[in-house]
Amino acid sequence: PAAAMALVRQAYGALLRRSSAFALTVVLGAVLFERAFDQGADAIFEHLNEGVRKGPPPS
């Protein structure tokens, strides 16, 4: 508990105390979340559509 509280205080001081650091943290978090979500959604889509033909329909 004490070590966790110290870690939270250190993270607050480093990432959330100044407005510029807070904004950078929010933007970086959003970019990382978007990449992870996109890769996860693509993996689920590919899994659900295994065996389905890709590409344009034959002429």
Protein backbone atom coordinates (compact mmCIF):
# COMPACT_ATOMS: atom_id res chain seq x y z
CA PRO A 1 0.00 0.00 0.00
CA ALA A 2 2.72 2.50 0.91
CA ALA A 3 4.79 1.64 -2.16
CA ALA A 4 1.73 1.96 -4.40
CA MET A 5 0.92 5.36 -2.92
CA ALA A 6 4.48 6.52 -3.52
CA LEU A 7 4.23 5.36 -7.13
CA VAL A 8 0.94 7.23 -7.59
CA ARG A 9 2.44 10.41 -6.17
CA GLN A 10 5.47 10.10 -8.42
CA ALA A 11 3.29 9.53 -11.50
CA TYR A 12 1.10 12.50 -10.56
CA GLY A 13 4.13 14.74 -10.17
CA ALA A 14 5.65 13.63 -13.46
CA LEU A 15 2.58 13.40 -15.71
CA LEU A 16 -0.34 15.40 -14.39
CA ARG A 17 0.96 18.38 -12.45
CA ARG A 18 1.76 20.70 -15.37
CA SER A 19 -0.75 21.45 -18.11
CA SER A 20 1.69 20.67 -20.92
CA ALA A 21 2.64 17.31 -19.42
CA PHE A 22 -1.03 16.52 -18.82
CA ALA A 23 -1.93 17.34 -22.43
CA LEU A 24 0.96 15.22 -23.72
CA THR A 25 -0.14 12.33 -21.48
CA VAL A 26 -3.71 12.55 -22.80
CA VAL A 27 -2.62 12.69 -26.46
CA LEU A 28 -0.12 9.86 -26.07
CA GLY A 29 -2.66 7.74 -24.21
CA ALA A 30 -5.26 8.34 -26.92
CA VAL A 31 -2.83 7.37 -29.69
CA LEU A 32 -1.74 4.19 -27.90
CA PHE A 33 -5.35 3.25 -27.10
CA GLU A 34 -6.40 3.82 -30.72
CA ARG A 35 -3.59 1.60 -32.03
CA ALA A 36 -4.35 -1.19 -29.57
CA PHE A 37 -8.10 -1.00 -30.21
CA ASP A 38 -7.60 -1.00 -33.98
CA GLN A 39 -5.30 -4.02 -33.89
CA GLY A 40 -7.69 -5.87 -31.60
CA ALA A 41 -10.69 -5.10 -33.80
CA ASP A 42 -8.77 -6.21 -36.91
CA ALA A 43 -7.76 -9.47 -35.21
CA ILE A 44 -11.38 -10.18 -34.23
CA PHE A 45 -12.60 -9.32 -37.74
CA GLU A 46 -10.02 -11.59 -39.37
CA HIS A 47 -10.87 -14.44 -36.98
CA LEU A 48 -14.60 -14.14 -37.64
CA ASN A 49 -14.06 -14.05 -41.40
CA GLU A 50 -11.60 -16.92 -41.79
CA GLY A 51 -12.20 -18.72 -45.06
CA VAL A 52 -14.12 -15.86 -46.64
CA ARG A 53 -12.76 -14.78 -50.01
CA LYS A 54 -11.06 -11.39 -50.13
CA GLY A 55 -10.86 -9.05 -53.09
CA PRO A 56 -13.26 -7.96 -55.81
CA PRO A 57 -15.87 -10.40 -57.11
CA PRO A 58 -14.94 -12.30 -60.28
CA SER A 59 -16.05 -10.77 -63.58
